[in-house]
PDB file of all heavy atoms in Angstrom:
ATOM      1  N   VAL A   1      -1.709 -10.278  -5.095  1.00  0.00           N
ATOM      2  CA  VAL A   1      -2.185  -9.180  -4.256  1.00  0.00           C
ATOM      3  C   VAL A   1      -2.977  -8.138  -5.025  1.00  0.00           C
ATOM      4  O   VAL A   1      -3.577  -7.252  -4.407  1.00  0.00           O
ATOM      5  CB  VAL A   1      -1.018  -8.488  -3.525  1.00  0.00           C
ATOM      6  CG1 VAL A   1      -0.198  -9.497  -2.739  1.00  0.00           C
ATOM      7  CG2 VAL A   1      -0.134  -7.725  -4.503  1.00  0.00           C
ATOM      8  N   ARG A   2      -2.992  -8.237  -6.335  1.00  0.00           N
ATOM      9  CA  ARG A   2      -3.692  -7.247  -7.144  1.00  0.00           C
ATOM     10  C   ARG A   2      -5.164  -7.189  -6.765  1.00  0.00           C
ATOM     11  O   ARG A   2      -5.837  -8.209  -6.667  1.00  0.00           O
ATOM     12  CB  ARG A   2      -3.529  -7.551  -8.627  1.00  0.00           C
ATOM     13  CG  ARG A   2      -4.093  -6.463  -9.544  1.00  0.00           C
ATOM     14  CD  ARG A   2      -3.830  -6.766 -11.013  1.00  0.00           C
ATOM     15  NE  ARG A   2      -2.412  -6.744 -11.335  1.00  0.00           N
ATOM     16  CZ  ARG A   2      -1.690  -7.820 -11.598  1.00  0.00           C
ATOM     17  NH1 ARG A   2      -2.255  -9.023 -11.591  1.00  0.00           N
ATOM     18  NH2 ARG A   2      -0.403  -7.704 -11.874  1.00  0.00           N
ATOM     19  N   GLY A   3      -5.653  -5.979  -6.559  1.00  0.00           N
ATOM     20  CA  GLY A   3      -7.027  -5.788  -6.142  1.00  0.00           C
ATOM     21  C   GLY A   3      -7.213  -5.727  -4.649  1.00  0.00           C
ATOM     22  O   GLY A   3      -8.257  -5.258  -4.179  1.00  0.00           O
ATOM     23  N   ARG A   4      -6.225  -6.195  -3.899  1.00  0.00           N
ATOM     24  CA  ARG A   4      -6.295  -6.172  -2.441  1.00  0.00           C
ATOM     25  C   ARG A   4      -5.301  -5.188  -1.831  1.00  0.00           C
ATOM     26  O   ARG A   4      -5.588  -4.563  -0.810  1.00  0.00           O
ATOM     27  CB  ARG A   4      -6.037  -7.563  -1.859  1.00  0.00           C
ATOM     28  CG  ARG A   4      -7.040  -8.613  -2.308  1.00  0.00           C
ATOM     29  CD  ARG A   4      -6.833  -9.926  -1.572  1.00  0.00           C
ATOM     30  NE  ARG A   4      -5.518 -10.502  -1.829  1.00  0.00           N
ATOM     31  CZ  ARG A   4      -4.596 -10.697  -0.887  1.00  0.00           C
ATOM     32  NH1 ARG A   4      -4.846 -10.370   0.376  1.00  0.00           N
ATOM     33  NH2 ARG A   4      -3.426 -11.240  -1.205  1.00  0.00           N
ATOM     34  N   PHE A   5      -4.141  -5.075  -2.446  1.00  0.00           N
ATOM     35  CA  PHE A   5      -3.100  -4.188  -1.943  1.00  0.00           C
ATOM     36  C   PHE A   5      -3.009  -2.951  -2.821  1.00  0.00           C
ATOM     37  O   PHE A   5      -3.303  -2.992  -4.019  1.00  0.00           O
ATOM     38  CB  PHE A   5      -1.736  -4.879  -1.942  1.00  0.00           C
ATOM     39  CG  PHE A   5      -1.588  -5.979  -0.934  1.00  0.00           C
ATOM     40  CD1 PHE A   5      -2.670  -6.458  -0.216  1.00  0.00           C
ATOM     41  CD2 PHE A   5      -0.338  -6.539  -0.706  1.00  0.00           C
ATOM     42  CE1 PHE A   5      -2.524  -7.480   0.710  1.00  0.00           C
ATOM     43  CE2 PHE A   5      -0.179  -7.553   0.217  1.00  0.00           C
ATOM     44  CZ  PHE A   5      -1.275  -8.024   0.928  1.00  0.00           C
ATOM     45  N   SER A   6      -2.573  -1.862  -2.228  1.00  0.00           N
ATOM     46  CA  SER A   6      -2.394  -0.621  -2.958  1.00  0.00           C
ATOM     47  C   SER A   6      -1.132   0.083  -2.484  1.00  0.00           C
ATOM     48  O   SER A   6      -0.966   0.315  -1.285  1.00  0.00           O
ATOM     49  CB  SER A   6      -3.610   0.294  -2.775  1.00  0.00           C
ATOM     50  OG  SER A   6      -3.445   1.517  -3.453  1.00  0.00           O
ATOM     51  N   ILE A   7      -0.250   0.398  -3.411  1.00  0.00           N
ATOM     52  CA  ILE A   7       0.978   1.100  -3.085  1.00  0.00           C
ATOM     53  C   ILE A   7       0.822   2.572  -3.439  1.00  0.00           C
ATOM     54  O   ILE A   7       0.214   2.918  -4.451  1.00  0.00           O
ATOM     55  CB  ILE A   7       2.195   0.480  -3.807  1.00  0.00           C
ATOM     56  CG1 ILE A   7       3.495   1.117  -3.327  1.00  0.00           C
ATOM     57  CG2 ILE A   7       2.053   0.590  -5.316  1.00  0.00           C
ATOM     58  CD1 ILE A   7       4.752   0.412  -3.841  1.00  0.00           C
ATOM     59  N   SER A   8       1.360   3.428  -2.604  1.00  0.00           N
ATOM     60  CA  SER A   8       1.315   4.864  -2.850  1.00  0.00           C
ATOM     61  C   SER A   8       2.557   5.504  -2.244  1.00  0.00           C
ATOM     62  O   SER A   8       3.282   4.874  -1.479  1.00  0.00           O
ATOM     63  CB  SER A   8       0.042   5.486  -2.259  1.00  0.00           C
ATOM     64  OG  SER A   8      -0.001   5.317  -0.855  1.00  0.00           O
ATOM     65  N   ARG A   9       2.792   6.745  -2.598  1.00  0.00           N
ATOM     66  CA  ARG A   9       3.948   7.441  -2.057  1.00  0.00           C
ATOM     67  C   ARG A   9       3.633   8.905  -1.847  1.00  0.00           C
ATOM     68  O   ARG A   9       2.791   9.490  -2.529  1.00  0.00           O
ATOM     69  CB  ARG A   9       5.167   7.278  -2.977  1.00  0.00           C
ATOM     70  CG  ARG A   9       5.036   7.977  -4.326  1.00  0.00           C
ATOM     71  CD  ARG A   9       6.181   7.579  -5.258  1.00  0.00           C
ATOM     72  NE  ARG A   9       7.478   7.963  -4.721  1.00  0.00           N
ATOM     73  CZ  ARG A   9       8.641   7.461  -5.125  1.00  0.00           C
ATOM     74  NH1 ARG A   9       8.660   6.518  -6.067  1.00  0.00           N
ATOM     75  NH2 ARG A   9       9.774   7.881  -4.581  1.00  0.00           N
ATOM     76  N   ASP A  10       4.320   9.485  -0.896  1.00  0.00           N
ATOM     77  CA  ASP A  10       4.236  10.900  -0.611  1.00  0.00           C
ATOM     78  C   ASP A  10       5.661  11.419  -0.620  1.00  0.00           C
ATOM     79  O   ASP A  10       6.384  11.301   0.365  1.00  0.00           O
ATOM     80  CB  ASP A  10       3.562  11.148   0.736  1.00  0.00           C
ATOM     81  CG  ASP A  10       3.299  12.616   0.997  1.00  0.00           C
ATOM     82  OD1 ASP A  10       3.928  13.473   0.352  1.00  0.00           O
ATOM     83  OD2 ASP A  10       2.444  12.920   1.854  1.00  0.00           O
ATOM     84  N   ASN A  11       6.060  11.972  -1.747  1.00  0.00           N
ATOM     85  CA  ASN A  11       7.441  12.411  -1.890  1.00  0.00           C
ATOM     86  C   ASN A  11       7.788  13.568  -0.953  1.00  0.00           C
ATOM     87  O   ASN A  11       8.942  13.720  -0.557  1.00  0.00           O
ATOM     88  CB  ASN A  11       7.720  12.808  -3.335  1.00  0.00           C
ATOM     89  CG  ASN A  11       7.756  11.609  -4.264  1.00  0.00           C
ATOM     90  OD1 ASN A  11       7.779  10.461  -3.816  1.00  0.00           O
ATOM     91  ND2 ASN A  11       7.763  11.867  -5.561  1.00  0.00           N
ATOM     92  N   ALA A  12       6.799  14.373  -0.609  1.00  0.00           N
ATOM     93  CA  ALA A  12       7.038  15.465   0.327  1.00  0.00           C
ATOM     94  C   ALA A  12       7.402  14.944   1.708  1.00  0.00           C
ATOM     95  O   ALA A  12       8.109  15.615   2.463  1.00  0.00           O
ATOM     96  CB  ALA A  12       5.821  16.376   0.411  1.00  0.00           C
ATOM     97  N   LYS A  13       6.911  13.764   2.050  1.00  0.00           N
ATOM     98  CA  LYS A  13       7.206  13.141   3.334  1.00  0.00           C
ATOM     99  C   LYS A  13       8.266  12.052   3.231  1.00  0.00           C
ATOM    100  O   LYS A  13       8.579  11.400   4.235  1.00  0.00           O
ATOM    101  CB  LYS A  13       5.936  12.556   3.951  1.00  0.00           C
ATOM    102  CG  LYS A  13       4.896  13.594   4.353  1.00  0.00           C
ATOM    103  CD  LYS A  13       3.696  12.926   5.005  1.00  0.00           C
ATOM    104  CE  LYS A  13       2.744  13.942   5.606  1.00  0.00           C
ATOM    105  NZ  LYS A  13       2.178  14.854   4.597  1.00  0.00           N
ATOM    106  N   ASN A  14       8.788  11.827   2.050  1.00  0.00           N
ATOM    107  CA  ASN A  14       9.786  10.773   1.824  1.00  0.00           C
ATOM    108  C   ASN A  14       9.288   9.421   2.339  1.00  0.00           C
ATOM    109  O   ASN A  14      10.016   8.678   3.005  1.00  0.00           O
ATOM    110  CB  ASN A  14      11.111  11.129   2.490  1.00  0.00           C
ATOM    111  CG  ASN A  14      11.877  12.200   1.739  1.00  0.00           C
ATOM    112  OD1 ASN A  14      11.381  12.796   0.790  1.00  0.00           O
ATOM    113  ND2 ASN A  14      13.106  12.452   2.174  1.00  0.00           N
ATOM    114  N   THR A  15       8.060   9.109   2.009  1.00  0.00           N
ATOM    115  CA  THR A  15       7.427   7.911   2.547  1.00  0.00           C
ATOM    116  C   THR A  15       6.661   7.172   1.456  1.00  0.00           C
ATOM    117  O   THR A  15       6.014   7.797   0.615  1.00  0.00           O
ATOM    118  CB  THR A  15       6.469   8.259   3.693  1.00  0.00           C
ATOM    119  OG1 THR A  15       7.187   8.967   4.712  1.00  0.00           O
ATOM    120  CG2 THR A  15       5.865   7.006   4.305  1.00  0.00           C
ATOM    121  N   VAL A  16       6.741   5.857   1.496  1.00  0.00           N
ATOM    122  CA  VAL A  16       5.955   5.005   0.622  1.00  0.00           C
ATOM    123  C   VAL A  16       5.080   4.120   1.501  1.00  0.00           C
ATOM    124  O   VAL A  16       5.490   3.724   2.600  1.00  0.00           O
ATOM    125  CB  VAL A  16       6.846   4.167  -0.320  1.00  0.00           C
ATOM    126  CG1 VAL A  16       7.738   3.213   0.471  1.00  0.00           C
ATOM    127  CG2 VAL A  16       5.993   3.410  -1.325  1.00  0.00           C
ATOM    128  N   TYR A  17       3.879   3.825   1.031  1.00  0.00           N
ATOM    129  CA  TYR A  17       2.910   3.079   1.812  1.00  0.00           C
ATOM    130  C   TYR A  17       2.473   1.829   1.065  1.00  0.00           C
ATOM    131  O   TYR A  17       2.518   1.759  -0.162  1.00  0.00           O
ATOM    132  CB  TYR A  17       1.674   3.929   2.103  1.00  0.00           C
ATOM    133  CG  TYR A  17       1.969   5.253   2.750  1.00  0.00           C
ATOM    134  CD1 TYR A  17       2.110   6.401   1.980  1.00  0.00           C
ATOM    135  CD2 TYR A  17       2.102   5.365   4.132  1.00  0.00           C
ATOM    136  CE1 TYR A  17       2.375   7.630   2.566  1.00  0.00           C
ATOM    137  CE2 TYR A  17       2.368   6.584   4.720  1.00  0.00           C
ATOM    138  CZ  TYR A  17       2.503   7.711   3.945  1.00  0.00           C
ATOM    139  OH  TYR A  17       2.770   8.928   4.530  1.00  0.00           O
ATOM    140  N   LEU A  18       2.030   0.864   1.828  1.00  0.00           N
ATOM    141  CA  LEU A  18       1.391  -0.318   1.274  1.00  0.00           C
ATOM    142  C   LEU A  18       0.130  -0.571   2.076  1.00  0.00           C
ATOM    143  O   LEU A  18       0.198  -1.012   3.226  1.00  0.00           O
ATOM    144  CB  LEU A  18       2.312  -1.541   1.320  1.00  0.00           C
ATOM    145  CG  LEU A  18       1.737  -2.801   0.671  1.00  0.00           C
ATOM    146  CD1 LEU A  18       1.595  -2.609  -0.837  1.00  0.00           C
ATOM    147  CD2 LEU A  18       2.602  -4.021   0.971  1.00  0.00           C
ATOM    148  N   GLN A  19      -0.998  -0.265   1.477  1.00  0.00           N
ATOM    149  CA  GLN A  19      -2.286  -0.531   2.098  1.00  0.00           C
ATOM    150  C   GLN A  19      -2.699  -1.945   1.743  1.00  0.00           C
ATOM    151  O   GLN A  19      -2.844  -2.278   0.569  1.00  0.00           O
ATOM    152  CB  GLN A  19      -3.337   0.469   1.612  1.00  0.00           C
ATOM    153  CG  GLN A  19      -4.730   0.244   2.179  1.00  0.00           C
ATOM    154  CD  GLN A  19      -4.797   0.491   3.669  1.00  0.00           C
ATOM    155  OE1 GLN A  19      -4.303   1.501   4.155  1.00  0.00           O
ATOM    156  NE2 GLN A  19      -5.397  -0.443   4.406  1.00  0.00           N
ATOM    157  N   MET A  20      -2.895  -2.774   2.749  1.00  0.00           N
ATOM    158  CA  MET A  20      -3.225  -4.174   2.555  1.00  0.00           C
ATOM    159  C   MET A  20      -4.622  -4.434   3.085  1.00  0.00           C
ATOM    160  O   MET A  20      -4.886  -4.275   4.279  1.00  0.00           O
ATOM    161  CB  MET A  20      -2.207  -5.078   3.252  1.00  0.00           C
ATOM    162  CG  MET A  20      -0.769  -4.830   2.813  1.00  0.00           C
ATOM    163  SD  MET A  20       0.407  -5.981   3.573  1.00  0.00           S
ATOM    164  CE  MET A  20       0.303  -5.433   5.284  1.00  0.00           C
ATOM    165  N   ASN A  21      -5.508  -4.826   2.200  1.00  0.00           N
ATOM    166  CA  ASN A  21      -6.882  -5.135   2.553  1.00  0.00           C
ATOM    167  C   ASN A  21      -7.180  -6.601   2.269  1.00  0.00           C
ATOM    168  O   ASN A  21      -6.478  -7.258   1.513  1.00  0.00           O
ATOM    169  CB  ASN A  21      -7.856  -4.249   1.773  1.00  0.00           C
ATOM    170  CG  ASN A  21      -7.680  -2.778   2.050  1.00  0.00           C
ATOM    171  OD1 ASN A  21      -7.383  -2.383   3.176  1.00  0.00           O
ATOM    172  ND2 ASN A  21      -7.876  -1.950   1.026  1.00  0.00           N
ATOM    173  N   SER A  22      -8.247  -7.087   2.870  1.00  0.00           N
ATOM    174  CA  SER A  22      -8.672  -8.477   2.680  1.00  0.00           C
ATOM    175  C   SER A  22      -7.507  -9.439   2.862  1.00  0.00           C
ATOM    176  O   SER A  22      -7.261 -10.327   2.042  1.00  0.00           O
ATOM    177  CB  SER A  22      -9.306  -8.653   1.296  1.00  0.00           C
ATOM    178  OG  SER A  22     -10.421  -7.810   1.134  1.00  0.00           O
ATOM    179  N   LEU A  23      -6.789  -9.268   3.939  1.00  0.00           N
ATOM    180  CA  LEU A  23      -5.597 -10.063   4.182  1.00  0.00           C
ATOM    181  C   LEU A  23      -5.932 -11.541   4.345  1.00  0.00           C
ATOM    182  O   LEU A  23      -6.962 -11.908   4.915  1.00  0.00           O
ATOM    183  CB  LEU A  23      -4.868  -9.552   5.414  1.00  0.00           C
ATOM    184  CG  LEU A  23      -4.071  -8.263   5.179  1.00  0.00           C
ATOM    185  CD1 LEU A  23      -3.735  -7.593   6.500  1.00  0.00           C
ATOM    186  CD2 LEU A  23      -2.805  -8.573   4.394  1.00  0.00           C
ATOM    187  N   GLU A  24      -5.037 -12.369   3.840  1.00  0.00           N
ATOM    188  CA  GLU A  24      -5.181 -13.809   3.874  1.00  0.00           C
ATOM    189  C   GLU A  24      -4.007 -14.432   4.616  1.00  0.00           C
ATOM    190  O   GLU A  24      -2.972 -13.796   4.814  1.00  0.00           O
ATOM    191  CB  GLU A  24      -5.255 -14.363   2.440  1.00  0.00           C
ATOM    192  CG  GLU A  24      -6.335 -13.732   1.589  1.00  0.00           C
ATOM    193  CD  GLU A  24      -6.205 -14.062   0.118  1.00  0.00           C
ATOM    194  OE1 GLU A  24      -5.184 -14.673  -0.268  1.00  0.00           O
ATOM    195  OE2 GLU A  24      -7.126 -13.718  -0.647  1.00  0.00           O
ATOM    196  N   HIS A  25      -4.173 -15.695   5.006  1.00  0.00           N
ATOM    197  CA  HIS A  25      -3.094 -16.387   5.695  1.00  0.00           C
ATOM    198  C   HIS A  25      -1.818 -16.412   4.857  1.00  0.00           C
ATOM    199  O   HIS A  25      -0.714 -16.327   5.402  1.00  0.00           O
ATOM    200  CB  HIS A  25      -3.510 -17.813   6.046  1.00  0.00           C
ATOM    201  CG  HIS A  25      -4.570 -17.888   7.101  1.00  0.00           C
ATOM    202  ND1 HIS A  25      -5.886 -18.177   6.804  1.00  0.00           N
ATOM    203  CD2 HIS A  25      -4.512 -17.708   8.441  1.00  0.00           C
ATOM    204  CE1 HIS A  25      -6.590 -18.177   7.917  1.00  0.00           C
ATOM    205  NE2 HIS A  25      -5.783 -17.895   8.927  1.00  0.00           N
TER     206      HIS A  25
END
């Protein structure tokens, strides 16, 4: 997934995200 996915977090919102681009089967 390297280069396609991106993980981030917002500690103020107690939330972690996973942005997934160029998704494959």
